[in-house]
């Protein structure tokens, strides 16, 4: 998890014009708080023309929006099928959280082999989720009743199986003020409620994304400037893109990430990483800058026409 999803207070990059592309957003099909159709509606209302739904380890939201008989998408909005895979990489020294987050852009939702890998990932998530609930019971921070309350609020944690859901339950139970504090004090790496992740490593995740027709993009890797060897290794494994633009990146970090993408010949990408805990979608996209040329570069790499042509 990045140090925070909100735009930084210091060195904030203020978008010079409204951002029209978001290549990283989440729905209730993983650990977001908006239904897929509602996220699409809010993105379109905010002026977004290209939206990648990149839920953790599932393409359910993308499939739902494209299913026969589903309501039409908002006019002018192109939804990119995507997925975010949390790859375990504890063998890499000094890696934040001991894992890497890889967004697969343009995944084929009908790829059965990739779906089988995602099923395995979701099973590992479920086991970790249950282990963390037990760990919190053992340290006198139970969340069982809070999870039941969340179910009654029509926010089923069964669809998430991730730490954001655990963190929200800690807030509901009165054990933390908000989600960032729950991570910082209870369920972040090295904290008493933390349980290590199990699942695909970077090699398997990058290969699986590419094998399903997607572009593997390294997400919100704010440590990139200090870990050039990690980037070089990932490029050797087949990494094709880098999130240069992320809502939590300040102006100086964006410039550094752009230089790294150029050096490593990686496709620049970017997005809000929206979940819904800290602000509305309109607020999230308003403090995120993904330049049109970056958006069109991603669209071209995915074989999609420029936005102006796609809207015709």
C-alpha atoms as a PDB file:
ATOM      1  CA  UNK A   1       0.000   0.000   0.000  1.00  0.00           C
ATOM      2  CA  UNK A   2       1.415   3.452  -0.818  1.00  0.00           C
ATOM      3  CA  UNK A   3       2.084   5.945   1.936  1.00  0.00           C
ATOM      4  CA  UNK A   4      -1.279   7.474   1.222  1.00  0.00           C
ATOM      5  CA  UNK A   5      -3.682   7.778  -1.681  1.00  0.00           C
ATOM      6  CA  UNK A   6      -4.478  11.478  -1.184  1.00  0.00           C
ATOM      7  CA  UNK A   7      -2.450  14.154  -2.913  1.00  0.00           C
ATOM      8  CA  UNK A   8       0.468  15.319  -0.744  1.00  0.00           C
ATOM      9  CA  UNK A   9       0.200  18.601   1.130  1.00  0.00           C
ATOM     10  CA  UNK A  10       3.767  19.550   0.193  1.00  0.00           C
ATOM     11  CA  UNK A  11       4.897  19.754  -3.454  1.00  0.00           C
ATOM     12  CA  UNK A  12       1.362  19.008  -4.637  1.00  0.00           C
ATOM     13  CA  UNK A  13       0.947  18.685  -8.395  1.00  0.00           C
ATOM     14  CA  UNK A  14      -2.142  20.680  -9.336  1.00  0.00           C
ATOM     15  CA  UNK A  15      -3.705  19.445 -12.605  1.00  0.00           C
ATOM     16  CA  UNK A  16      -3.580  22.333 -15.108  1.00  0.00           C
ATOM     17  CA  UNK A  17      -6.764  21.014 -16.771  1.00  0.00           C
ATOM     18  CA  UNK A  18      -9.233  18.287 -15.760  1.00  0.00           C
ATOM     19  CA  UNK A  19      -7.853  14.767 -16.095  1.00  0.00           C
ATOM     20  CA  UNK A  20      -9.689  12.678 -18.678  1.00  0.00           C
ATOM     21  CA  UNK A  21      -8.187   9.245 -17.989  1.00  0.00           C
ATOM     22  CA  UNK A  22      -7.930   7.016 -14.938  1.00  0.00           C
ATOM     23  CA  UNK A  23      -6.075   3.736 -15.386  1.00  0.00           C
ATOM     24  CA  UNK A  24      -6.392   2.510 -11.794  1.00  0.00           C
ATOM     25  CA  UNK A  25      -9.641   2.462  -9.813  1.00  0.00           C
ATOM     26  CA  UNK A  26     -11.431  -0.051  -7.572  1.00  0.00           C
ATOM     27  CA  UNK A  27     -15.024  -1.148  -6.987  1.00  0.00           C
ATOM     28  CA  UNK A  28     -16.949  -3.272  -4.504  1.00  0.00           C
ATOM     29  CA  UNK A  29     -15.874  -6.318  -6.486  1.00  0.00           C
ATOM     30  CA  UNK A  30     -12.629  -6.082  -4.536  1.00  0.00           C
ATOM     31  CA  UNK A  31     -11.954  -3.451  -1.865  1.00  0.00           C
ATOM     32  CA  UNK A  32     -13.619  -0.312  -3.220  1.00  0.00           C
ATOM     33  CA  UNK A  33     -16.834   1.232  -1.940  1.00  0.00           C
ATOM     34  CA  UNK A  34     -18.654   1.943  -5.235  1.00  0.00           C
ATOM     35  CA  UNK A  35     -20.497  -0.570  -7.399  1.00  0.00           C
ATOM     36  CA  UNK A  36     -18.943  -0.890 -10.889  1.00  0.00           C
ATOM     37  CA  UNK A  37     -21.843   0.911 -12.591  1.00  0.00           C
ATOM     38  CA  UNK A  38     -21.737   3.714 -10.009  1.00  0.00           C
ATOM     39  CA  UNK A  39     -17.987   4.164 -10.432  1.00  0.00           C
ATOM     40  CA  UNK A  40     -18.454   4.375 -14.190  1.00  0.00           C
ATOM     41  CA  UNK A  41     -21.250   6.933 -13.775  1.00  0.00           C
ATOM     42  CA  UNK A  42     -19.248   9.097 -11.376  1.00  0.00           C
ATOM     43  CA  UNK A  43     -16.146   8.935 -13.570  1.00  0.00           C
ATOM     44  CA  UNK A  44     -18.108  10.018 -16.637  1.00  0.00           C
ATOM     45  CA  UNK A  45     -19.778  12.832 -14.684  1.00  0.00           C
ATOM     46  CA  UNK A  46     -16.311  14.055 -13.660  1.00  0.00           C
ATOM     47  CA  UNK A  47     -15.198  14.231 -17.301  1.00  0.00           C
ATOM     48  CA  UNK A  48     -13.255  10.971 -17.492  1.00  0.00           C
ATOM     49  CA  UNK A  49     -13.246   9.420 -20.969  1.00  0.00           C
ATOM     50  CA  UNK A  50     -11.069   6.350 -20.283  1.00  0.00           C
ATOM     51  CA  UNK A  51     -11.497   4.316 -17.089  1.00  0.00           C
ATOM     52  CA  UNK A  52      -9.652   1.143 -16.114  1.00  0.00           C
ATOM     53  CA  UNK A  53     -11.414  -0.861 -13.404  1.00  0.00           C
ATOM     54  CA  UNK A  54      -8.454  -2.605 -11.784  1.00  0.00           C
ATOM     55  CA  UNK A  55      -9.903  -4.578  -8.890  1.00  0.00           C
ATOM     56  CA  UNK A  56      -7.636  -6.827  -6.877  1.00  0.00           C
ATOM     57  CA  UNK A  57      -7.455 -10.355  -8.295  1.00  0.00           C
ATOM     58  CA  UNK A  58     -10.817 -10.191 -10.060  1.00  0.00           C
ATOM     59  CA  UNK A  59     -12.327  -9.112 -13.365  1.00  0.00           C
ATOM     60  CA  UNK A  60     -15.879  -9.421 -12.040  1.00  0.00           C
ATOM     61  CA  UNK A  61     -16.624  -5.702 -12.257  1.00  0.00           C
ATOM     62  CA  UNK A  62     -15.378  -5.433 -15.835  1.00  0.00           C
ATOM     63  CA  UNK A  63     -17.394  -8.480 -16.881  1.00  0.00           C
ATOM     64  CA  UNK A  64     -20.488  -7.116 -15.160  1.00  0.00           C
ATOM     65  CA  UNK A  65     -20.387  -3.865 -17.122  1.00  0.00           C
ATOM     66  CA  UNK A  66     -19.868  -5.704 -20.430  1.00  0.00           C
ATOM     67  CA  UNK A  67     -22.389  -8.500 -19.836  1.00  0.00           C
ATOM     68  CA  UNK A  68     -25.248  -8.992 -22.316  1.00  0.00           C
ATOM     69  CA  UNK A  69     -28.253  -7.055 -21.108  1.00  0.00           C
ATOM     70  CA  UNK A  70     -26.218  -4.782 -18.837  1.00  0.00           C
ATOM     71  CA  UNK A  71     -27.215  -1.103 -18.882  1.00  0.00           C
ATOM     72  CA  UNK A  72     -25.212   0.894 -21.430  1.00  0.00           C
ATOM     73  CA  UNK A  73     -22.120   2.688 -20.229  1.00  0.00           C
ATOM     74  CA  UNK A  74     -22.309   6.478 -19.932  1.00  0.00           C
ATOM     75  CA  UNK A  75     -21.916   8.164 -23.306  1.00  0.00           C
ATOM     76  CA  UNK A  76     -18.291   8.864 -24.194  1.00  0.00           C
ATOM     77  CA  UNK A  77     -16.794   6.577 -21.527  1.00  0.00           C
ATOM     78  CA  UNK A  78     -14.445   3.748 -22.560  1.00  0.00           C
ATOM     79  CA  UNK A  79     -13.933   1.146 -19.821  1.00  0.00           C
ATOM     80  CA  UNK A  80     -10.667  -0.814 -19.968  1.00  0.00           C
ATOM     81  CA  UNK A  81     -10.727  -4.322 -18.433  1.00  0.00           C
ATOM     82  CA  UNK A  82      -7.907  -4.485 -15.913  1.00  0.00           C
ATOM     83  CA  UNK A  83      -6.811  -6.179 -12.706  1.00  0.00           C
ATOM     84  CA  UNK A  84      -4.394  -5.428  -9.874  1.00  0.00           C
ATOM     85  CA  UNK A  85      -2.251  -8.322  -8.686  1.00  0.00           C
ATOM     86  CA  UNK A  86      -0.358  -8.068  -5.405  1.00  0.00           C
ATOM     87  CA  UNK A  87       2.824 -10.038  -6.089  1.00  0.00           C
ATOM     88  CA  UNK A  88       4.812 -11.294  -3.122  1.00  0.00           C
ATOM     89  CA  UNK A  89       8.493 -10.406  -3.391  1.00  0.00           C
ATOM     90  CA  UNK A  90       9.992 -10.863   0.056  1.00  0.00           C
ATOM     91  CA  UNK A  91      13.286 -11.936  -1.518  1.00  0.00           C
ATOM     92  CA  UNK A  92      13.859  -8.372  -2.754  1.00  0.00           C
ATOM     93  CA  UNK A  93      15.596  -6.280  -0.059  1.00  0.00           C
ATOM     94  CA  UNK A  94      14.069  -3.074   1.290  1.00  0.00           C
ATOM     95  CA  UNK A  95      10.855  -3.567  -0.663  1.00  0.00           C
ATOM     96  CA  UNK A  96       7.877  -1.691   0.841  1.00  0.00           C
ATOM     97  CA  UNK A  97       5.390  -4.218   2.282  1.00  0.00           C
ATOM     98  CA  UNK A  98       7.454  -7.061   0.819  1.00  0.00           C
ATOM     99  CA  UNK A  99       5.296  -7.016  -2.300  1.00  0.00           C
ATOM    100  CA  UNK A 100       4.784  -5.338  -5.662  1.00  0.00           C
ATOM    101  CA  UNK A 101       1.470  -4.204  -7.104  1.00  0.00           C
ATOM    102  CA  UNK A 102       1.047  -4.942 -10.792  1.00  0.00           C
ATOM    103  CA  UNK A 103      -1.862  -3.544 -12.784  1.00  0.00           C
ATOM    104  CA  UNK A 104      -2.688  -5.561 -15.882  1.00  0.00           C
ATOM    105  CA  UNK A 105      -4.260  -3.198 -18.429  1.00  0.00           C
ATOM    106  CA  UNK A 106      -6.324  -4.605 -21.287  1.00  0.00           C
ATOM    107  CA  UNK A 107      -6.700  -8.117 -19.885  1.00  0.00           C
ATOM    108  CA  UNK A 108      -8.867 -10.505 -21.894  1.00  0.00           C
ATOM    109  CA  UNK A 109     -11.782 -11.228 -19.506  1.00  0.00           C
ATOM    110  CA  UNK A 110     -12.435 -14.509 -21.347  1.00  0.00           C
ATOM    111  CA  UNK A 111      -8.946 -15.941 -20.726  1.00  0.00           C
ATOM    112  CA  UNK A 112      -9.628 -19.130 -18.726  1.00  0.00           C
ATOM    113  CA  UNK A 113      -6.003 -19.764 -17.744  1.00  0.00           C
ATOM    114  CA  UNK A 114      -5.693 -16.286 -16.248  1.00  0.00           C
ATOM    115  CA  UNK A 115      -8.986 -16.660 -14.407  1.00  0.00           C
ATOM    116  CA  UNK A 116      -7.704 -19.916 -12.860  1.00  0.00           C
ATOM    117  CA  UNK A 117      -4.711 -18.003 -11.475  1.00  0.00           C
ATOM    118  CA  UNK A 118      -7.009 -15.310 -10.105  1.00  0.00           C
ATOM    119  CA  UNK A 119      -9.107 -17.979  -8.356  1.00  0.00           C
ATOM    120  CA  UNK A 120      -5.936 -19.171  -6.657  1.00  0.00           C
ATOM    121  CA  UNK A 121      -5.063 -15.611  -5.674  1.00  0.00           C
ATOM    122  CA  UNK A 122      -8.536 -15.039  -4.218  1.00  0.00           C
ATOM    123  CA  UNK A 123      -8.299 -18.258  -2.208  1.00  0.00           C
ATOM    124  CA  UNK A 124      -5.019 -17.029  -0.722  1.00  0.00           C
ATOM    125  CA  UNK A 125      -6.692 -13.692   0.068  1.00  0.00           C
ATOM    126  CA  UNK A 126      -9.528 -15.452   1.860  1.00  0.00           C
ATOM    127  CA  UNK A 127      -7.139 -17.475   4.013  1.00  0.00           C
ATOM    128  CA  UNK A 128      -5.142 -14.368   4.900  1.00  0.00           C
ATOM    129  CA  UNK A 129      -8.333 -12.455   5.689  1.00  0.00           C
ATOM    130  CA  UNK A 130      -9.457 -15.177   8.116  1.00  0.00           C
ATOM    131  CA  UNK A 131      -5.997 -15.353   9.699  1.00  0.00           C
ATOM    132  CA  UNK A 132      -6.033 -11.596  10.322  1.00  0.00           C
ATOM    133  CA  UNK A 133      -9.464 -11.776  11.939  1.00  0.00           C
ATOM    134  CA  UNK A 134      -8.113 -14.464  14.263  1.00  0.00           C
ATOM    135  CA  UNK A 135      -4.969 -12.432  14.969  1.00  0.00           C
ATOM    136  CA  UNK A 136      -7.095  -9.424  15.937  1.00  0.00           C
ATOM    137  CA  UNK A 137      -9.151 -11.582  18.305  1.00  0.00           C
ATOM    138  CA  UNK A 138      -5.931 -12.732  19.962  1.00  0.00           C
ATOM    139  CA  UNK A 139      -4.744  -9.159  20.589  1.00  0.00           C
ATOM    140  CA  UNK A 140      -8.142  -8.045  21.925  1.00  0.00           C
ATOM    141  CA  UNK A 141      -9.149  -6.050  18.848  1.00  0.00           C
ATOM    142  CA  UNK A 142     -12.071  -8.184  17.602  1.00  0.00           C
ATOM    143  CA  UNK A 143     -13.935  -7.092  14.479  1.00  0.00           C
ATOM    144  CA  UNK A 144     -16.521  -9.876  14.121  1.00  0.00           C
ATOM    145  CA  UNK A 145     -19.489  -7.695  15.070  1.00  0.00           C
ATOM    146  CA  UNK A 146     -18.206  -4.845  12.920  1.00  0.00           C
ATOM    147  CA  UNK A 147     -18.027  -7.133   9.885  1.00  0.00           C
ATOM    148  CA  UNK A 148     -21.629  -8.178  10.482  1.00  0.00           C
ATOM    149  CA  UNK A 149     -22.634  -4.518  10.673  1.00  0.00           C
ATOM    150  CA  UNK A 150     -20.858  -3.854   7.385  1.00  0.00           C
ATOM    151  CA  UNK A 151     -22.787  -6.718   5.796  1.00  0.00           C
ATOM    152  CA  UNK A 152     -26.031  -5.135   6.959  1.00  0.00           C
ATOM    153  CA  UNK A 153     -24.918  -1.877   5.294  1.00  0.00           C
ATOM    154  CA  UNK A 154     -24.748  -3.761   1.974  1.00  0.00           C
ATOM    155  CA  UNK A 155     -20.973  -3.612   1.881  1.00  0.00           C
ATOM    156  CA  UNK A 156     -20.234  -7.345   1.894  1.00  0.00           C
ATOM    157  CA  UNK A 157     -16.660  -8.006   3.017  1.00  0.00           C
ATOM    158  CA  UNK A 158     -16.876 -11.408   1.330  1.00  0.00           C
ATOM    159  CA  UNK A 159     -16.154  -9.682  -1.969  1.00  0.00           C
ATOM    160  CA  UNK A 160     -13.057  -7.907  -0.716  1.00  0.00           C
ATOM    161  CA  UNK A 161     -10.900 -10.174   1.448  1.00  0.00           C
ATOM    162  CA  UNK A 162      -8.282  -7.477   1.820  1.00  0.00           C
ATOM    163  CA  UNK A 163      -6.761  -5.238   4.445  1.00  0.00           C
ATOM    164  CA  UNK A 164      -8.891  -2.205   3.516  1.00  0.00           C
ATOM    165  CA  UNK A 165     -11.966  -4.173   4.600  1.00  0.00           C
ATOM    166  CA  UNK A 166     -10.202  -5.207   7.815  1.00  0.00           C
ATOM    167  CA  UNK A 167      -9.222  -1.575   8.393  1.00  0.00           C
ATOM    168  CA  UNK A 168     -12.803  -0.362   7.848  1.00  0.00           C
ATOM    169  CA  UNK A 169     -14.027  -2.952  10.336  1.00  0.00           C
ATOM    170  CA  UNK A 170     -11.470  -1.714  12.879  1.00  0.00           C
ATOM    171  CA  UNK A 171     -12.906   1.781  12.445  1.00  0.00           C
ATOM    172  CA  UNK A 172     -16.487   0.473  12.816  1.00  0.00           C
ATOM    173  CA  UNK A 173     -15.434  -1.341  15.982  1.00  0.00           C
ATOM    174  CA  UNK A 174     -13.886   1.789  17.482  1.00  0.00           C
ATOM    175  CA  UNK A 175     -10.335   0.447  17.424  1.00  0.00           C
ATOM    176  CA  UNK A 176      -9.076   3.158  15.037  1.00  0.00           C
ATOM    177  CA  UNK A 177     -10.114   6.687  14.029  1.00  0.00           C
ATOM    178  CA  UNK A 178      -9.884   6.075  10.306  1.00  0.00           C
ATOM    179  CA  UNK A 179      -8.515   3.673   7.700  1.00  0.00           C
ATOM    180  CA  UNK A 180      -5.033   5.275   7.449  1.00  0.00           C
ATOM    181  CA  UNK A 181      -4.605   4.999  11.226  1.00  0.00           C
ATOM    182  CA  UNK A 182      -5.776   1.370  11.178  1.00  0.00           C
ATOM    183  CA  UNK A 183      -3.038   0.590   8.658  1.00  0.00           C
ATOM    184  CA  UNK A 184      -0.370   2.615  10.437  1.00  0.00           C
ATOM    185  CA  UNK A 185      -1.018   1.233  13.909  1.00  0.00           C
ATOM    186  CA  UNK A 186      -2.644  -2.188  13.514  1.00  0.00           C
ATOM    187  CA  UNK A 187      -2.584  -3.949  10.128  1.00  0.00           C
ATOM    188  CA  UNK A 188       0.390  -2.400   8.322  1.00  0.00           C
ATOM    189  CA  UNK A 189       3.537  -4.448   7.867  1.00  0.00           C
ATOM    190  CA  UNK A 190       5.278  -4.923  11.201  1.00  0.00           C
ATOM    191  CA  UNK A 191       2.148  -4.032  13.194  1.00  0.00           C
ATOM    192  CA  UNK A 192       0.411  -6.471  15.584  1.00  0.00           C
ATOM    193  CA  UNK A 193      -2.489  -7.344  13.287  1.00  0.00           C
ATOM    194  CA  UNK A 194      -0.400  -7.958  10.173  1.00  0.00           C
ATOM    195  CA  UNK A 195      -0.303 -11.340   8.427  1.00  0.00           C
ATOM    196  CA  UNK A 196       2.072 -11.824   5.452  1.00  0.00           C
ATOM    197  CA  UNK A 197       0.576 -12.301   2.002  1.00  0.00           C
ATOM    198  CA  UNK A 198       0.829 -15.513  -0.004  1.00  0.00           C
ATOM    199  CA  UNK A 199       0.391 -15.769  -3.752  1.00  0.00           C
ATOM    200  CA  UNK A 200       2.066 -15.154  -7.099  1.00  0.00           C
ATOM    201  CA  UNK A 201       5.532 -13.689  -7.315  1.00  0.00           C
ATOM    202  CA  UNK A 202       6.527 -10.955  -9.804  1.00  0.00           C
ATOM    203  CA  UNK A 203       7.702 -13.359 -12.513  1.00  0.00           C
ATOM    204  CA  UNK A 204       4.464 -15.346 -12.502  1.00  0.00           C
ATOM    205  CA  UNK A 205       2.264 -12.241 -12.229  1.00  0.00           C
ATOM    206  CA  UNK A 206       3.973 -10.399 -15.103  1.00  0.00           C
ATOM    207  CA  UNK A 207       3.922 -13.517 -17.268  1.00  0.00           C
ATOM    208  CA  UNK A 208       0.260 -14.202 -16.484  1.00  0.00           C
ATOM    209  CA  UNK A 209      -0.820 -10.641 -17.317  1.00  0.00           C
ATOM    210  CA  UNK A 210       1.091 -10.700 -20.602  1.00  0.00           C
ATOM    211  CA  UNK A 211      -0.245 -14.160 -21.409  1.00  0.00           C
ATOM    212  CA  UNK A 212      -3.806 -12.866 -21.029  1.00  0.00           C
ATOM    213  CA  UNK A 213      -3.170 -10.066 -23.520  1.00  0.00           C
ATOM    214  CA  UNK A 214      -2.541  -7.378 -20.903  1.00  0.00           C
ATOM    215  CA  UNK A 215       0.153  -4.778 -20.312  1.00  0.00           C
ATOM    216  CA  UNK A 216       1.859  -5.298 -16.918  1.00  0.00           C
ATOM    217  CA  UNK A 217       2.268  -1.919 -15.189  1.00  0.00           C
ATOM    218  CA  UNK A 218       4.046  -1.396 -11.865  1.00  0.00           C
ATOM    219  CA  UNK A 219       1.648   0.562  -9.649  1.00  0.00           C
ATOM    220  CA  UNK A 220       2.334   3.350  -7.118  1.00  0.00           C
ATOM    221  CA  UNK A 221       5.954   2.248  -6.598  1.00  0.00           C
ATOM    222  CA  UNK A 222       7.118   5.379  -4.811  1.00  0.00           C
ATOM    223  CA  UNK A 223      10.424   3.678  -3.882  1.00  0.00           C
ATOM    224  CA  UNK A 224      11.474   3.407  -7.530  1.00  0.00           C
ATOM    225  CA  UNK A 225      14.054   6.233  -7.428  1.00  0.00           C
ATOM    226  CA  UNK A 226      15.947   4.497  -4.607  1.00  0.00           C
ATOM    227  CA  UNK A 227      15.630   0.951  -6.004  1.00  0.00           C
ATOM    228  CA  UNK A 228      16.805   1.096  -9.635  1.00  0.00           C
ATOM    229  CA  UNK A 229      18.015  -2.521  -9.557  1.00  0.00           C
ATOM    230  CA  UNK A 230      14.480  -3.691  -8.768  1.00  0.00           C
ATOM    231  CA  UNK A 231      13.124  -1.875 -11.828  1.00  0.00           C
ATOM    232  CA  UNK A 232      15.839  -3.360 -14.017  1.00  0.00           C
ATOM    233  CA  UNK A 233      15.017  -6.857 -12.784  1.00  0.00           C
ATOM    234  CA  UNK A 234      11.300  -6.357 -13.411  1.00  0.00           C
ATOM    235  CA  UNK A 235      11.989  -5.079 -16.920  1.00  0.00           C
ATOM    236  CA  UNK A 236      13.986  -8.243 -17.565  1.00  0.00           C
ATOM    237  CA  UNK A 237      10.922 -10.224 -16.406  1.00  0.00           C
ATOM    238  CA  UNK A 238       8.707  -8.464 -18.941  1.00  0.00           C
ATOM    239  CA  UNK A 239       7.386  -5.357 -17.146  1.00  0.00           C
ATOM    240  CA  UNK A 240       6.052  -2.937 -19.766  1.00  0.00           C
ATOM    241  CA  UNK A 241       4.647   0.027 -17.848  1.00  0.00           C
ATOM    242  CA  UNK A 242       5.115   2.260 -14.816  1.00  0.00           C
ATOM    243  CA  UNK A 243       2.622   4.433 -12.936  1.00  0.00           C
ATOM    244  CA  UNK A 244       4.334   7.771 -13.352  1.00  0.00           C
ATOM    245  CA  UNK A 245       1.199   9.616 -12.258  1.00  0.00           C
ATOM    246  CA  UNK A 246      -0.472   8.640  -9.000  1.00  0.00           C
ATOM    247  CA  UNK A 247      -2.649  10.711  -6.740  1.00  0.00           C
ATOM    248  CA  UNK A 248      -0.161  10.404  -3.865  1.00  0.00           C
ATOM    249  CA  UNK A 249       2.854  11.571  -5.908  1.00  0.00           C
ATOM    250  CA  UNK A 250       4.157  15.115  -5.555  1.00  0.00           C
ATOM    251  CA  UNK A 251       5.590  17.158  -8.398  1.00  0.00           C
ATOM    252  CA  UNK A 252       9.210  16.116  -7.790  1.00  0.00           C
ATOM    253  CA  UNK A 253       8.366  12.411  -7.567  1.00  0.00           C
ATOM    254  CA  UNK A 254       6.347  12.539 -10.802  1.00  0.00           C
ATOM    255  CA  UNK A 255       9.365  14.059 -12.546  1.00  0.00           C
ATOM    256  CA  UNK A 256      11.607  11.314 -11.166  1.00  0.00           C
ATOM    257  CA  UNK A 257       9.174   8.589 -12.192  1.00  0.00           C
ATOM    258  CA  UNK A 258       8.973  10.031 -15.717  1.00  0.00           C
ATOM    259  CA  UNK A 259      12.767   9.890 -15.983  1.00  0.00           C
ATOM    260  CA  UNK A 260      12.769   6.285 -14.766  1.00  0.00           C
ATOM    261  CA  UNK A 261      10.079   5.294 -17.278  1.00  0.00           C
ATOM    262  CA  UNK A 262      12.123   6.848 -20.083  1.00  0.00           C
ATOM    263  CA  UNK A 263      15.341   5.188 -18.936  1.00  0.00           C
ATOM    264  CA  UNK A 264      13.699   1.773 -18.644  1.00  0.00           C
ATOM    265  CA  UNK A 265      11.597   2.277 -21.811  1.00  0.00           C
ATOM    266  CA  UNK A 266       8.412   1.711 -19.846  1.00  0.00           C
ATOM    267  CA  UNK A 267       4.964   2.933 -20.861  1.00  0.00           C
ATOM    268  CA  UNK A 268       3.905   5.795 -18.533  1.00  0.00           C
ATOM    269  CA  UNK A 269       0.505   5.304 -16.913  1.00  0.00           C
ATOM    270  CA  UNK A 270      -1.407   6.757 -13.996  1.00  0.00           C
ATOM    271  CA  UNK A 271      -4.601   6.917 -12.022  1.00  0.00           C
ATOM    272  CA  UNK A 272      -6.431   7.735  -8.833  1.00  0.00           C
ATOM    273  CA  UNK A 273      -6.151   4.323  -7.125  1.00  0.00           C
ATOM    274  CA  UNK A 274      -9.631   5.254  -5.936  1.00  0.00           C
ATOM    275  CA  UNK A 275     -11.271   3.149  -3.224  1.00  0.00           C
ATOM    276  CA  UNK A 276     -13.691   5.596  -1.628  1.00  0.00           C
ATOM    277  CA  UNK A 277     -12.590   5.751   2.008  1.00  0.00           C
ATOM    278  CA  UNK A 278     -11.134   9.243   2.050  1.00  0.00           C
ATOM    279  CA  UNK A 279     -13.081  11.255  -0.541  1.00  0.00           C
ATOM    280  CA  UNK A 280     -15.548  11.144  -3.418  1.00  0.00           C
ATOM    281  CA  UNK A 281     -14.500  10.087  -6.897  1.00  0.00           C
ATOM    282  CA  UNK A 282     -14.882  13.665  -8.136  1.00  0.00           C
ATOM    283  CA  UNK A 283     -12.453  14.817  -5.450  1.00  0.00           C
ATOM    284  CA  UNK A 284     -10.029  12.004  -6.259  1.00  0.00           C
ATOM    285  CA  UNK A 285      -9.843  12.716  -9.986  1.00  0.00           C
ATOM    286  CA  UNK A 286      -9.619  16.476  -9.313  1.00  0.00           C
ATOM    287  CA  UNK A 287      -6.313  15.955  -7.482  1.00  0.00           C
ATOM    288  CA  UNK A 288      -4.900  13.454 -10.012  1.00  0.00           C
ATOM    289  CA  UNK A 289      -3.007  14.514 -13.124  1.00  0.00           C
ATOM    290  CA  UNK A 290      -2.746  12.078 -16.039  1.00  0.00           C
ATOM    291  CA  UNK A 291      -1.761  14.134 -19.090  1.00  0.00           C
ATOM    292  CA  UNK A 292      -3.679  13.512 -22.314  1.00  0.00           C
ATOM    293  CA  UNK A 293      -0.494  12.418 -24.070  1.00  0.00           C
ATOM    294  CA  UNK A 294       0.038   9.730 -21.425  1.00  0.00           C
ATOM    295  CA  UNK A 295      -3.571   8.594 -21.753  1.00  0.00           C
ATOM    296  CA  UNK A 296      -3.316   8.402 -25.524  1.00  0.00           C
ATOM    297  CA  UNK A 297      -0.038   6.508 -25.253  1.00  0.00           C
ATOM    298  CA  UNK A 298      -1.717   3.862 -23.131  1.00  0.00           C
ATOM    299  CA  UNK A 299      -4.704   3.709 -25.450  1.00  0.00           C
ATOM    300  CA  UNK A 300      -2.408   3.250 -28.448  1.00  0.00           C
ATOM    301  CA  UNK A 301      -0.499   0.466 -26.679  1.00  0.00           C
ATOM    302  CA  UNK A 302      -3.841  -1.249 -26.040  1.00  0.00           C
ATOM    303  CA  UNK A 303      -4.837  -0.905 -29.678  1.00  0.00           C
ATOM    304  CA  UNK A 304      -7.583   1.585 -28.914  1.00  0.00           C
ATOM    305  CA  UNK A 305      -8.211   4.669 -31.092  1.00  0.00           C
ATOM    306  CA  UNK A 306      -7.624   8.190 -29.792  1.00  0.00           C
ATOM    307  CA  UNK A 307     -10.403   9.423 -27.549  1.00  0.00           C
ATOM    308  CA  UNK A 308     -11.731  11.868 -30.163  1.00  0.00           C
ATOM    309  CA  UNK A 309     -12.077   9.047 -32.704  1.00  0.00           C
ATOM    310  CA  UNK A 310     -13.519   6.593 -30.185  1.00  0.00           C
ATOM    311  CA  UNK A 311     -16.328   9.029 -29.382  1.00  0.00           C
ATOM    312  CA  UNK A 312     -17.466   9.251 -33.022  1.00  0.00           C
END
